[in-house]
């Protein structure tokens, strides 16, 4: 769903027809009257992002584990390539199951989720 200046555009929406019918039925009840619902929104305190909240001061043990995982990934990259050209192997899936190091998390998420293609298209 895309919202543009007060207009709703429904795209790639599984229950599109159902939602449009419900909205149409609801709007027809008001006979073009302006409706201002009185909904009170309670005040909230936002928490910091989890990566900041739980990983501000990594322990030495954690850092050693990250270094081991990063070394394993770098070795894999040297054999099978890095980025979108990387070969998908059984070893790759084992590395994923063992955990992606923080230093590579952004890059690998973009690649494996397919979001890297969206980034390339936008540039």
PDB file of N, CA and C in Angstrom:
ATOM      1  N   UNK A   1       0.847  -1.163   0.000  1.00  0.00           N
ATOM      2  CA  UNK A   1       0.000   0.000   0.000  1.00  0.00           C
ATOM      3  C   UNK A   1       0.897   1.232   0.000  1.00  0.00           C
ATOM      4  N   UNK A   2       0.545   2.202  -0.821  1.00  0.00           N
ATOM      5  CA  UNK A   2       1.272   3.453  -0.919  1.00  0.00           C
ATOM      6  C   UNK A   2       0.324   4.579  -0.544  1.00  0.00           C
ATOM      7  N   UNK A   3       0.801   5.514   0.288  1.00  0.00           N
ATOM      8  CA  UNK A   3      -0.012   6.661   0.671  1.00  0.00           C
ATOM      9  C   UNK A   3       0.629   7.902   0.088  1.00  0.00           C
ATOM     10  N   UNK A   4      -0.123   8.638  -0.716  1.00  0.00           N
ATOM     11  CA  UNK A   4       0.394   9.848  -1.333  1.00  0.00           C
ATOM     12  C   UNK A   4      -0.600  10.974  -1.081  1.00  0.00           C
ATOM     13  N   UNK A   5      -0.200  11.958  -0.299  1.00  0.00           N
ATOM     14  CA  UNK A   5      -0.993  13.169  -0.063  1.00  0.00           C
ATOM     15  C   UNK A   5      -2.470  12.863   0.186  1.00  0.00           C
ATOM     16  N   UNK A   6      -2.750  11.951   1.108  1.00  0.00           N
ATOM     17  CA  UNK A   6      -4.129  11.661   1.468  1.00  0.00           C
ATOM     18  C   UNK A   6      -4.810  10.636   0.582  1.00  0.00           C
ATOM     19  N   UNK A   7      -4.149  10.153  -0.451  1.00  0.00           N
ATOM     20  CA  UNK A   7      -4.717   9.171  -1.358  1.00  0.00           C
ATOM     21  C   UNK A   7      -4.093   7.819  -1.071  1.00  0.00           C
ATOM     22  N   UNK A   8      -4.920   6.798  -1.003  1.00  0.00           N
ATOM     23  CA  UNK A   8      -4.420   5.451  -0.779  1.00  0.00           C
ATOM     24  C   UNK A   8      -4.375   4.724  -2.126  1.00  0.00           C
ATOM     25  N   UNK A   9      -3.230   4.114  -2.409  1.00  0.00           N
ATOM     26  CA  UNK A   9      -3.088   3.296  -3.601  1.00  0.00           C
ATOM     27  C   UNK A   9      -2.750   1.893  -3.128  1.00  0.00           C
ATOM     28  N   UNK A  10      -3.651   0.954  -3.406  1.00  0.00           N
ATOM     29  CA  UNK A  10      -3.446  -0.417  -2.971  1.00  0.00           C
ATOM     30  C   UNK A  10      -2.770  -1.208  -4.084  1.00  0.00           C
ATOM     31  N   UNK A  11      -1.539  -1.667  -3.824  1.00  0.00           N
ATOM     32  CA  UNK A  11      -0.827  -2.493  -4.782  1.00  0.00           C
ATOM     33  C   UNK A  11      -0.207  -3.660  -4.043  1.00  0.00           C
ATOM     34  N   UNK A  12      -0.055  -4.769  -4.733  1.00  0.00           N
ATOM     35  CA  UNK A  12       0.540  -5.977  -4.157  1.00  0.00           C
ATOM     36  C   UNK A  12      -0.062  -6.289  -2.796  1.00  0.00           C
ATOM     37  N   UNK A  13      -1.348  -6.339  -2.743  1.00  0.00           N
ATOM     38  CA  UNK A  13      -2.079  -6.503  -1.497  1.00  0.00           C
ATOM     39  C   UNK A  13      -2.984  -7.712  -1.658  1.00  0.00           C
ATOM     40  N   UNK A  14      -2.759  -8.773  -0.866  1.00  0.00           N
ATOM     41  CA  UNK A  14      -3.474 -10.036  -1.049  1.00  0.00           C
ATOM     42  C   UNK A  14      -4.990  -9.889  -0.931  1.00  0.00           C
ATOM     43  N   UNK A  15      -5.459  -9.165   0.069  1.00  0.00           N
ATOM     44  CA  UNK A  15      -6.893  -9.042   0.308  1.00  0.00           C
ATOM     45  C   UNK A  15      -7.435  -7.707  -0.194  1.00  0.00           C
ATOM     46  N   UNK A  16      -6.921  -7.236  -1.310  1.00  0.00           N
ATOM     47  CA  UNK A  16      -7.258  -5.911  -1.829  1.00  0.00           C
ATOM     48  C   UNK A  16      -8.765  -5.719  -2.003  1.00  0.00           C
ATOM     49  N   UNK A  17      -9.419  -6.643  -2.670  1.00  0.00           N
ATOM     50  CA  UNK A  17     -10.855  -6.508  -2.945  1.00  0.00           C
ATOM     51  C   UNK A  17     -11.670  -6.496  -1.651  1.00  0.00           C
ATOM     52  N   UNK A  18     -11.304  -7.351  -0.719  1.00  0.00           N
ATOM     53  CA  UNK A  18     -12.001  -7.411   0.560  1.00  0.00           C
ATOM     54  C   UNK A  18     -11.880  -6.084   1.305  1.00  0.00           C
ATOM     55  N   UNK A  19     -10.669  -5.541   1.375  1.00  0.00           N
ATOM     56  CA  UNK A  19     -10.432  -4.283   2.091  1.00  0.00           C
ATOM     57  C   UNK A  19     -11.147  -3.132   1.402  1.00  0.00           C
ATOM     58  N   UNK A  20     -11.077  -3.085   0.075  1.00  0.00           N
ATOM     59  CA  UNK A  20     -11.768  -2.017  -0.653  1.00  0.00           C
ATOM     60  C   UNK A  20     -13.275  -2.070  -0.426  1.00  0.00           C
ATOM     61  N   UNK A  21     -13.845  -3.277  -0.394  1.00  0.00           N
ATOM     62  CA  UNK A  21     -15.291  -3.419  -0.136  1.00  0.00           C
ATOM     63  C   UNK A  21     -15.628  -2.924   1.264  1.00  0.00           C
ATOM     64  N   UNK A  22     -14.835  -3.320   2.253  1.00  0.00           N
ATOM     65  CA  UNK A  22     -15.086  -2.883   3.628  1.00  0.00           C
ATOM     66  C   UNK A  22     -14.966  -1.365   3.752  1.00  0.00           C
ATOM     67  N   UNK A  23     -13.958  -0.785   3.125  1.00  0.00           N
ATOM     68  CA  UNK A  23     -13.798   0.670   3.174  1.00  0.00           C
ATOM     69  C   UNK A  23     -14.961   1.371   2.494  1.00  0.00           C
ATOM     70  N   UNK A  24     -15.369   0.838   1.368  1.00  0.00           N
ATOM     71  CA  UNK A  24     -16.495   1.419   0.644  1.00  0.00           C
ATOM     72  C   UNK A  24     -17.766   1.354   1.477  1.00  0.00           C
ATOM     73  N   UNK A  25     -18.012   0.208   2.110  1.00  0.00           N
ATOM     74  CA  UNK A  25     -19.191   0.067   2.968  1.00  0.00           C
ATOM     75  C   UNK A  25     -19.146   1.047   4.137  1.00  0.00           C
ATOM     76  N   UNK A  26     -17.996   1.179   4.744  1.00  0.00           N
ATOM     77  CA  UNK A  26     -17.839   2.084   5.870  1.00  0.00           C
ATOM     78  C   UNK A  26     -18.064   3.528   5.451  1.00  0.00           C
ATOM     79  N   UNK A  27     -17.453   3.913   4.355  1.00  0.00           N
ATOM     80  CA  UNK A  27     -17.592   5.298   3.888  1.00  0.00           C
ATOM     81  C   UNK A  27     -19.015   5.617   3.442  1.00  0.00           C
ATOM     82  N   UNK A  28     -19.728   4.638   2.896  1.00  0.00           N
ATOM     83  CA  UNK A  28     -21.103   4.889   2.450  1.00  0.00           C
ATOM     84  C   UNK A  28     -22.044   5.152   3.624  1.00  0.00           C
ATOM     85  N   UNK A  29     -21.684   4.725   4.823  1.00  0.00           N
ATOM     86  CA  UNK A  29     -22.509   4.963   6.007  1.00  0.00           C
ATOM     87  C   UNK A  29     -22.508   6.426   6.429  1.00  0.00           C
ATOM     88  N   UNK A  30     -21.490   7.172   6.020  1.00  0.00           N
ATOM     89  CA  UNK A  30     -21.350   8.547   6.483  1.00  0.00           C
ATOM     90  C   UNK A  30     -21.888   9.585   5.504  1.00  0.00           C
ATOM     91  N   UNK A  31     -22.367   9.174   4.364  1.00  0.00           N
ATOM     92  CA  UNK A  31     -22.997  10.084   3.396  1.00  0.00           C
ATOM     93  C   UNK A  31     -22.195  11.360   3.184  1.00  0.00           C
ATOM     94  N   UNK A  32     -20.921  11.201   2.877  1.00  0.00           N
ATOM     95  CA  UNK A  32     -20.018  12.318   2.587  1.00  0.00           C
ATOM     96  C   UNK A  32     -19.837  13.294   3.749  1.00  0.00           C
ATOM     97  N   UNK A  33     -20.151  12.893   4.965  1.00  0.00           N
ATOM     98  CA  UNK A  33     -19.893  13.737   6.121  1.00  0.00           C
ATOM     99  C   UNK A  33     -18.421  13.592   6.518  1.00  0.00           C
ATOM    100  N   UNK A  34     -17.855  14.657   7.035  1.00  0.00           N
ATOM    101  CA  UNK A  34     -16.484  14.586   7.520  1.00  0.00           C
ATOM    102  C   UNK A  34     -16.498  13.943   8.893  1.00  0.00           C
ATOM    103  N   UNK A  35     -15.696  12.932   9.047  1.00  0.00           N
ATOM    104  CA  UNK A  35     -15.652  12.192  10.295  1.00  0.00           C
ATOM    105  C   UNK A  35     -14.302  12.441  10.951  1.00  0.00           C
ATOM    106  N   UNK A  36     -14.328  12.836  12.216  1.00  0.00           N
ATOM    107  CA  UNK A  36     -13.107  13.039  12.987  1.00  0.00           C
ATOM    108  C   UNK A  36     -13.176  12.135  14.211  1.00  0.00           C
ATOM    109  N   UNK A  37     -12.604  10.951  14.113  1.00  0.00           N
ATOM    110  CA  UNK A  37     -12.669  10.044  15.262  1.00  0.00           C
ATOM    111  C   UNK A  37     -11.905  10.620  16.448  1.00  0.00           C
ATOM    112  N   UNK A  38     -12.459  10.418  17.622  1.00  0.00           N
ATOM    113  CA  UNK A  38     -11.791  10.903  18.828  1.00  0.00           C
ATOM    114  C   UNK A  38     -11.055   9.736  19.474  1.00  0.00           C
ATOM    115  N   UNK A  39      -9.862   9.522  19.034  1.00  0.00           N
ATOM    116  CA  UNK A  39      -9.032   8.442  19.554  1.00  0.00           C
ATOM    117  C   UNK A  39      -7.903   9.071  20.339  1.00  0.00           C
ATOM    118  N   UNK A  40      -7.789   8.674  21.594  1.00  0.00           N
ATOM    119  CA  UNK A  40      -6.694   9.170  22.403  1.00  0.00           C
ATOM    120  C   UNK A  40      -5.502   8.227  22.270  1.00  0.00           C
ATOM    121  N   UNK A  41      -4.362   8.812  21.995  1.00  0.00           N
ATOM    122  CA  UNK A  41      -3.148   8.028  21.871  1.00  0.00           C
ATOM    123  C   UNK A  41      -2.339   8.221  23.149  1.00  0.00           C
ATOM    124  N   UNK A  42      -2.091   7.147  23.874  1.00  0.00           N
ATOM    125  CA  UNK A  42      -1.321   7.295  25.119  1.00  0.00           C
ATOM    126  C   UNK A  42       0.115   7.698  24.809  1.00  0.00           C
ATOM    127  N   UNK A  43       0.698   8.450  25.707  1.00  0.00           N
ATOM    128  CA  UNK A  43       2.089   8.844  25.504  1.00  0.00           C
ATOM    129  C   UNK A  43       2.987   7.631  25.704  1.00  0.00           C
ATOM    130  N   UNK A  44       4.062   7.587  24.926  1.00  0.00           N
ATOM    131  CA  UNK A  44       4.964   6.447  24.975  1.00  0.00           C
ATOM    132  C   UNK A  44       6.390   6.943  25.145  1.00  0.00           C
ATOM    133  N   UNK A  45       7.177   6.108  25.762  1.00  0.00           N
ATOM    134  CA  UNK A  45       8.604   6.358  25.839  1.00  0.00           C
ATOM    135  C   UNK A  45       9.280   5.342  24.935  1.00  0.00           C
ATOM    136  N   UNK A  46      10.025   5.831  23.955  1.00  0.00           N
ATOM    137  CA  UNK A  46      10.671   4.927  23.014  1.00  0.00           C
ATOM    138  C   UNK A  46      11.975   4.393  23.599  1.00  0.00           C
ATOM    139  N   UNK A  47      12.205   3.121  23.360  1.00  0.00           N
ATOM    140  CA  UNK A  47      13.450   2.496  23.804  1.00  0.00           C
ATOM    141  C   UNK A  47      14.509   2.697  22.738  1.00  0.00           C
ATOM    142  N   UNK A  48      15.778   2.673  23.127  1.00  0.00           N
ATOM    143  CA  UNK A  48      16.829   2.756  22.109  1.00  0.00           C
ATOM    144  C   UNK A  48      16.836   1.469  21.280  1.00  0.00           C
ATOM    145  N   UNK A  49      17.424   1.509  20.070  1.00  0.00           N
ATOM    146  CA  UNK A  49      17.493   0.288  19.261  1.00  0.00           C
ATOM    147  C   UNK A  49      18.179  -0.830  20.028  1.00  0.00           C
ATOM    148  N   UNK A  50      17.755  -2.055  19.762  1.00  0.00           N
ATOM    149  CA  UNK A  50      18.282  -3.204  20.500  1.00  0.00           C
ATOM    150  C   UNK A  50      19.786  -3.364  20.340  1.00  0.00           C
ATOM    151  N   UNK A  51      20.312  -3.061  19.142  1.00  0.00           N
ATOM    152  CA  UNK A  51      21.753  -3.246  18.975  1.00  0.00           C
ATOM    153  C   UNK A  51      22.545  -2.297  19.860  1.00  0.00           C
ATOM    154  N   UNK A  52      21.968  -1.165  20.211  1.00  0.00           N
ATOM    155  CA  UNK A  52      22.635  -0.241  21.133  1.00  0.00           C
ATOM    156  C   UNK A  52      22.395  -0.686  22.573  1.00  0.00           C
ATOM    157  N   UNK A  53      21.174  -1.094  22.846  1.00  0.00           N
ATOM    158  CA  UNK A  53      20.792  -1.458  24.206  1.00  0.00           C
ATOM    159  C   UNK A  53      21.550  -2.681  24.709  1.00  0.00           C
ATOM    160  N   UNK A  54      21.785  -3.658  23.849  1.00  0.00           N
ATOM    161  CA  UNK A  54      22.374  -4.912  24.312  1.00  0.00           C
ATOM    162  C   UNK A  54      23.812  -5.139  23.879  1.00  0.00           C
ATOM    163  N   UNK A  55      24.388  -4.260  23.076  1.00  0.00           N
ATOM    164  CA  UNK A  55      25.719  -4.544  22.563  1.00  0.00           C
ATOM    165  C   UNK A  55      26.626  -3.317  22.620  1.00  0.00           C
ATOM    166  N   UNK A  56      26.495  -2.503  23.653  1.00  0.00           N
ATOM    167  CA  UNK A  56      27.314  -1.304  23.740  1.00  0.00           C
ATOM    168  C   UNK A  56      28.751  -1.636  24.097  1.00  0.00           C
ATOM    169  N   UNK A  57      28.961  -2.534  25.004  1.00  0.00           N
ATOM    170  CA  UNK A  57      30.309  -2.890  25.453  1.00  0.00           C
ATOM    171  C   UNK A  57      30.493  -4.396  25.330  1.00  0.00           C
ATOM    172  N   UNK A  58      30.887  -4.858  24.135  1.00  0.00           N
ATOM    173  CA  UNK A  58      31.041  -6.307  23.978  1.00  0.00           C
ATOM    174  C   UNK A  58      32.179  -6.833  24.852  1.00  0.00           C
ATOM    175  N   UNK A  59      31.958  -8.002  25.380  1.00  0.00           N
ATOM    176  CA  UNK A  59      32.981  -8.633  26.218  1.00  0.00           C
ATOM    177  C   UNK A  59      34.110  -9.146  25.337  1.00  0.00           C
ATOM    178  N   UNK A  60      35.213  -9.486  25.950  1.00  0.00           N
ATOM    179  CA  UNK A  60      36.356 -10.019  25.210  1.00  0.00           C
ATOM    180  C   UNK A  60      35.990 -11.357  24.559  1.00  0.00           C
ATOM    181  N   UNK A  61      35.210 -12.165  25.289  1.00  0.00           N
ATOM    182  CA  UNK A  61      34.772 -13.459  24.747  1.00  0.00           C
ATOM    183  C   UNK A  61      33.910 -13.256  23.508  1.00  0.00           C
ATOM    184  N   UNK A  62      32.995 -12.301  23.575  1.00  0.00           N
ATOM    185  CA  UNK A  62      32.129 -11.993  22.432  1.00  0.00           C
ATOM    186  C   UNK A  62      32.972 -11.532  21.240  1.00  0.00           C
ATOM    187  N   UNK A  63      33.928 -10.662  21.475  1.00  0.00           N
ATOM    188  CA  UNK A  63      34.773 -10.138  20.403  1.00  0.00           C
ATOM    189  C   UNK A  63      35.617 -11.249  19.771  1.00  0.00           C
ATOM    190  N   UNK A  64      36.102 -12.189  20.582  1.00  0.00           N
ATOM    191  CA  UNK A  64      36.862 -13.321  20.047  1.00  0.00           C
ATOM    192  C   UNK A  64      35.979 -14.183  19.147  1.00  0.00           C
ATOM    193  N   UNK A  65      34.745 -14.421  19.579  1.00  0.00           N
ATOM    194  CA  UNK A  65      33.804 -15.203  18.774  1.00  0.00           C
ATOM    195  C   UNK A  65      33.507 -14.484  17.457  1.00  0.00           C
ATOM    196  N   UNK A  66      33.331 -13.168  17.511  1.00  0.00           N
ATOM    197  CA  UNK A  66      33.096 -12.379  16.297  1.00  0.00           C
ATOM    198  C   UNK A  66      34.291 -12.493  15.349  1.00  0.00           C
ATOM    199  N   UNK A  67      35.504 -12.430  15.889  1.00  0.00           N
ATOM    200  CA  UNK A  67      36.711 -12.538  15.059  1.00  0.00           C
ATOM    201  C   UNK A  67      36.806 -13.910  14.391  1.00  0.00           C
ATOM    202  N   UNK A  68      36.442 -14.956  15.110  1.00  0.00           N
ATOM    203  CA  UNK A  68      36.460 -16.313  14.541  1.00  0.00           C
ATOM    204  C   UNK A  68      35.451 -16.416  13.401  1.00  0.00           C
ATOM    205  N   UNK A  69      34.238 -15.912  13.628  1.00  0.00           N
ATOM    206  CA  UNK A  69      33.215 -15.961  12.582  1.00  0.00           C
ATOM    207  C   UNK A  69      33.635 -15.133  11.371  1.00  0.00           C
ATOM    208  N   UNK A  70      34.207 -13.947  11.618  1.00  0.00           N
ATOM    209  CA  UNK A  70      34.629 -13.083  10.513  1.00  0.00           C
ATOM    210  C   UNK A  70      35.738 -13.744   9.696  1.00  0.00           C
ATOM    211  N   UNK A  71      36.680 -14.397  10.356  1.00  0.00           N
ATOM    212  CA  UNK A  71      37.755 -15.100   9.651  1.00  0.00           C
ATOM    213  C   UNK A  71      37.184 -16.210   8.775  1.00  0.00           C
ATOM    214  N   UNK A  72      36.212 -16.955   9.289  1.00  0.00           N
ATOM    215  CA  UNK A  72      35.583 -18.027   8.508  1.00  0.00           C
ATOM    216  C   UNK A  72      34.882 -17.454   7.276  1.00  0.00           C
ATOM    217  N   UNK A  73      34.208 -16.325   7.428  1.00  0.00           N
ATOM    218  CA  UNK A  73      33.545 -15.684   6.293  1.00  0.00           C
ATOM    219  C   UNK A  73      34.548 -15.182   5.268  1.00  0.00           C
ATOM    220  N   UNK A  74      35.617 -14.554   5.731  1.00  0.00           N
ATOM    221  CA  UNK A  74      36.639 -14.036   4.814  1.00  0.00           C
ATOM    222  C   UNK A  74      37.267 -15.187   4.027  1.00  0.00           C
ATOM    223  N   UNK A  75      37.515 -16.317   4.688  1.00  0.00           N
ATOM    224  CA  UNK A  75      38.041 -17.500   3.998  1.00  0.00           C
ATOM    225  C   UNK A  75      37.058 -17.989   2.937  1.00  0.00           C
ATOM    226  N   UNK A  76      35.782 -18.005   3.277  1.00  0.00           N
ATOM    227  CA  UNK A  76      34.765 -18.427   2.320  1.00  0.00           C
ATOM    228  C   UNK A  76      34.737 -17.476   1.125  1.00  0.00           C
ATOM    229  N   UNK A  77      34.808 -16.182   1.387  1.00  0.00           N
ATOM    230  CA  UNK A  77      34.809 -15.196   0.305  1.00  0.00           C
ATOM    231  C   UNK A  77      36.003 -15.397  -0.626  1.00  0.00           C
ATOM    232  N   UNK A  78      37.156 -15.736  -0.073  1.00  0.00           N
ATOM    233  CA  UNK A  78      38.355 -15.885  -0.901  1.00  0.00           C
ATOM    234  C   UNK A  78      38.232 -17.064  -1.867  1.00  0.00           C
ATOM    235  N   UNK A  79      37.434 -18.056  -1.498  1.00  0.00           N
ATOM    236  CA  UNK A  79      37.262 -19.224  -2.363  1.00  0.00           C
ATOM    237  C   UNK A  79      36.061 -19.070  -3.295  1.00  0.00           C
ATOM    238  N   UNK A  80      34.944 -18.569  -2.764  1.00  0.00           N
ATOM    239  CA  UNK A  80      33.685 -18.573  -3.512  1.00  0.00           C
ATOM    240  C   UNK A  80      33.203 -17.184  -3.950  1.00  0.00           C
ATOM    241  N   UNK A  81      33.994 -16.148  -3.721  1.00  0.00           N
ATOM    242  CA  UNK A  81      33.604 -14.803  -4.124  1.00  0.00           C
ATOM    243  C   UNK A  81      32.818 -14.104  -3.029  1.00  0.00           C
ATOM    244  N   UNK A  82      32.661 -12.796  -3.213  1.00  0.00           N
ATOM    245  CA  UNK A  82      31.934 -11.991  -2.232  1.00  0.00           C
ATOM    246  C   UNK A  82      30.947 -11.096  -2.960  1.00  0.00           C
ATOM    247  N   UNK A  83      29.829 -10.837  -2.329  1.00  0.00           N
ATOM    248  CA  UNK A  83      28.809  -9.986  -2.932  1.00  0.00           C
ATOM    249  C   UNK A  83      27.792 -10.820  -3.690  1.00  0.00           C
ATOM    250  N   UNK A  84      27.127 -10.190  -4.650  1.00  0.00           N
ATOM    251  CA  UNK A  84      26.074 -10.886  -5.382  1.00  0.00           C
ATOM    252  C   UNK A  84      26.609 -11.996  -6.271  1.00  0.00           C
ATOM    253  N   UNK A  85      27.923 -11.986  -6.552  1.00  0.00           N
ATOM    254  CA  UNK A  85      28.510 -13.033  -7.389  1.00  0.00           C
ATOM    255  C   UNK A  85      28.922 -14.269  -6.592  1.00  0.00           C
ATOM    256  N   UNK A  86      28.743 -14.229  -5.269  1.00  0.00           N
ATOM    257  CA  UNK A  86      29.161 -15.322  -4.394  1.00  0.00           C
ATOM    258  C   UNK A  86      28.370 -16.596  -4.717  1.00  0.00           C
ATOM    259  N   UNK A  87      29.102 -17.712  -4.793  1.00  0.00           N
ATOM    260  CA  UNK A  87      28.446 -19.007  -4.997  1.00  0.00           C
ATOM    261  C   UNK A  87      27.717 -19.410  -3.724  1.00  0.00           C
ATOM    262  N   UNK A  88      26.527 -19.967  -3.899  1.00  0.00           N
ATOM    263  CA  UNK A  88      25.756 -20.472  -2.754  1.00  0.00           C
ATOM    264  C   UNK A  88      26.149 -21.934  -2.543  1.00  0.00           C
ATOM    265  N   UNK A  89      26.797 -22.222  -1.438  1.00  0.00           N
ATOM    266  CA  UNK A  89      27.279 -23.568  -1.145  1.00  0.00           C
ATOM    267  C   UNK A  89      26.703 -24.045   0.183  1.00  0.00           C
ATOM    268  N   UNK A  90      26.890 -25.323   0.454  1.00  0.00           N
ATOM    269  CA  UNK A  90      26.485 -25.853   1.756  1.00  0.00           C
ATOM    270  C   UNK A  90      27.277 -25.190   2.877  1.00  0.00           C
ATOM    271  N   UNK A  91      28.553 -24.895   2.607  1.00  0.00           N
ATOM    272  CA  UNK A  91      29.390 -24.218   3.604  1.00  0.00           C
ATOM    273  C   UNK A  91      28.822 -22.835   3.941  1.00  0.00           C
ATOM    274  N   UNK A  92      28.287 -22.178   2.933  1.00  0.00           N
ATOM    275  CA  UNK A  92      27.691 -20.853   3.152  1.00  0.00           C
ATOM    276  C   UNK A  92      26.536 -20.942   4.147  1.00  0.00           C
ATOM    277  N   UNK A  93      25.689 -21.939   3.968  1.00  0.00           N
ATOM    278  CA  UNK A  93      24.556 -22.094   4.880  1.00  0.00           C
ATOM    279  C   UNK A  93      25.022 -22.464   6.284  1.00  0.00           C
ATOM    280  N   UNK A  94      26.077 -23.239   6.385  1.00  0.00           N
ATOM    281  CA  UNK A  94      26.646 -23.546   7.705  1.00  0.00           C
ATOM    282  C   UNK A  94      27.147 -22.274   8.382  1.00  0.00           C
ATOM    283  N   UNK A  95      27.807 -21.399   7.605  1.00  0.00           N
ATOM    284  CA  UNK A  95      28.281 -20.130   8.168  1.00  0.00           C
ATOM    285  C   UNK A  95      27.114 -19.278   8.657  1.00  0.00           C
ATOM    286  N   UNK A  96      26.036 -19.272   7.899  1.00  0.00           N
ATOM    287  CA  UNK A  96      24.854 -18.504   8.313  1.00  0.00           C
ATOM    288  C   UNK A  96      24.301 -19.063   9.617  1.00  0.00           C
ATOM    289  N   UNK A  97      24.209 -20.396   9.709  1.00  0.00           N
ATOM    290  CA  UNK A  97      23.684 -21.017  10.926  1.00  0.00           C
ATOM    291  C   UNK A  97      24.572 -20.756  12.130  1.00  0.00           C
ATOM    292  N   UNK A  98      25.882 -20.634  11.905  1.00  0.00           N
ATOM    293  CA  UNK A  98      26.811 -20.353  13.000  1.00  0.00           C
ATOM    294  C   UNK A  98      26.738 -18.895  13.433  1.00  0.00           C
ATOM    295  N   UNK A  99      26.231 -18.050  12.574  1.00  0.00           N
ATOM    296  CA  UNK A  99      26.063 -16.640  12.918  1.00  0.00           C
ATOM    297  C   UNK A  99      26.856 -15.733  12.008  1.00  0.00           C
ATOM    298  N   UNK A 100      26.248 -14.615  11.659  1.00  0.00           N
ATOM    299  CA  UNK A 100      26.899 -13.624  10.806  1.00  0.00           C
ATOM    300  C   UNK A 100      27.556 -12.591  11.705  1.00  0.00           C
ATOM    301  N   UNK A 101      28.834 -12.326  11.506  1.00  0.00           N
ATOM    302  CA  UNK A 101      29.501 -11.331  12.353  1.00  0.00           C
ATOM    303  C   UNK A 101      28.915  -9.936  12.115  1.00  0.00           C
ATOM    304  N   UNK A 102      28.926  -9.128  13.160  1.00  0.00           N
ATOM    305  CA  UNK A 102      28.347  -7.789  13.075  1.00  0.00           C
ATOM    306  C   UNK A 102      28.957  -6.968  11.951  1.00  0.00           C
ATOM    307  N   UNK A 103      30.238  -7.151  11.689  1.00  0.00           N
ATOM    308  CA  UNK A 103      30.919  -6.354  10.671  1.00  0.00           C
ATOM    309  C   UNK A 103      30.413  -6.652   9.255  1.00  0.00           C
ATOM    310  N   UNK A 104      29.808  -7.817   9.050  1.00  0.00           N
ATOM    311  CA  UNK A 104      29.321  -8.206   7.718  1.00  0.00           C
ATOM    312  C   UNK A 104      27.800  -8.245   7.627  1.00  0.00           C
ATOM    313  N   UNK A 105      27.136  -8.013   8.742  1.00  0.00           N
ATOM    314  CA  UNK A 105      25.680  -8.170   8.803  1.00  0.00           C
ATOM    315  C   UNK A 105      24.948  -7.301   7.783  1.00  0.00           C
ATOM    316  N   UNK A 106      25.303  -6.038   7.661  1.00  0.00           N
ATOM    317  CA  UNK A 106      24.603  -5.151   6.717  1.00  0.00           C
ATOM    318  C   UNK A 106      24.752  -5.641   5.283  1.00  0.00           C
ATOM    319  N   UNK A 107      25.989  -5.914   4.886  1.00  0.00           N
ATOM    320  CA  UNK A 107      26.255  -6.345   3.513  1.00  0.00           C
ATOM    321  C   UNK A 107      25.519  -7.646   3.188  1.00  0.00           C
ATOM    322  N   UNK A 108      25.627  -8.620   4.087  1.00  0.00           N
ATOM    323  CA  UNK A 108      25.016  -9.923   3.817  1.00  0.00           C
ATOM    324  C   UNK A 108      23.499  -9.860   3.857  1.00  0.00           C
ATOM    325  N   UNK A 109      22.944  -9.022   4.709  1.00  0.00           N
ATOM    326  CA  UNK A 109      21.489  -8.874   4.721  1.00  0.00           C
ATOM    327  C   UNK A 109      21.018  -8.316   3.389  1.00  0.00           C
ATOM    328  N   UNK A 110      21.700  -7.302   2.875  1.00  0.00           N
ATOM    329  CA  UNK A 110      21.326  -6.727   1.581  1.00  0.00           C
ATOM    330  C   UNK A 110      21.379  -7.770   0.474  1.00  0.00           C
ATOM    331  N   UNK A 111      22.397  -8.623   0.504  1.00  0.00           N
ATOM    332  CA  UNK A 111      22.559  -9.640  -0.542  1.00  0.00           C
ATOM    333  C   UNK A 111      21.503 -10.731  -0.423  1.00  0.00           C
ATOM    334  N   UNK A 112      21.377 -11.333   0.768  1.00  0.00           N
ATOM    335  CA  UNK A 112      20.499 -12.491   0.926  1.00  0.00           C
ATOM    336  C   UNK A 112      19.017 -12.133   0.905  1.00  0.00           C
ATOM    337  N   UNK A 113      18.671 -10.910   1.271  1.00  0.00           N
ATOM    338  CA  UNK A 113      17.261 -10.511   1.240  1.00  0.00           C
ATOM    339  C   UNK A 113      16.829 -10.052  -0.144  1.00  0.00           C
ATOM    340  N   UNK A 114      17.809  -9.790  -1.017  1.00  0.00           N
ATOM    341  CA  UNK A 114      17.491  -9.273  -2.343  1.00  0.00           C
ATOM    342  C   UNK A 114      17.404  -7.760  -2.381  1.00  0.00           C
ATOM    343  N   UNK A 115      17.576  -7.118  -1.236  1.00  0.00           N
ATOM    344  CA  UNK A 115      17.471  -5.664  -1.169  1.00  0.00           C
ATOM    345  C   UNK A 115      18.595  -4.972  -1.925  1.00  0.00           C
ATOM    346  N   UNK A 116      19.708  -5.653  -2.146  1.00  0.00           N
ATOM    347  CA  UNK A 116      20.823  -5.062  -2.891  1.00  0.00           C
ATOM    348  C   UNK A 116      20.387  -4.684  -4.297  1.00  0.00           C
ATOM    349  N   UNK A 117      19.452  -5.445  -4.865  1.00  0.00           N
ATOM    350  CA  UNK A 117      18.961  -5.138  -6.210  1.00  0.00           C
ATOM    351  C   UNK A 117      18.164  -3.841  -6.197  1.00  0.00           C
ATOM    352  N   UNK A 118      17.387  -3.600  -5.125  1.00  0.00           N
ATOM    353  CA  UNK A 118      16.642  -2.353  -5.002  1.00  0.00           C
ATOM    354  C   UNK A 118      17.583  -1.167  -4.862  1.00  0.00           C
ATOM    355  N   UNK A 119      18.657  -1.346  -4.108  1.00  0.00           N
ATOM    356  CA  UNK A 119      19.643  -0.275  -3.913  1.00  0.00           C
ATOM    357  C   UNK A 119      20.306   0.049  -5.239  1.00  0.00           C
ATOM    358  N   UNK A 120      20.659  -0.970  -6.006  1.00  0.00           N
ATOM    359  CA  UNK A 120      21.315  -0.748  -7.301  1.00  0.00           C
ATOM    360  C   UNK A 120      20.383  -0.053  -8.286  1.00  0.00           C
ATOM    361  N   UNK A 121      19.107  -0.388  -8.261  1.00  0.00           N
ATOM    362  CA  UNK A 121      18.132   0.210  -9.173  1.00  0.00           C
ATOM    363  C   UNK A 121      17.949   1.678  -8.846  1.00  0.00           C
ATOM    364  N   UNK A 122      17.919   2.038  -7.577  1.00  0.00           N
ATOM    365  CA  UNK A 122      17.685   3.414  -7.169  1.00  0.00           C
ATOM    366  C   UNK A 122      18.860   4.344  -7.486  1.00  0.00           C
ATOM    367  N   UNK A 123      20.054   3.787  -7.540  1.00  0.00           N
ATOM    368  CA  UNK A 123      21.235   4.633  -7.772  1.00  0.00           C
ATOM    369  C   UNK A 123      21.378   5.032  -9.187  1.00  0.00           C
TER     370      UNK A 123
END
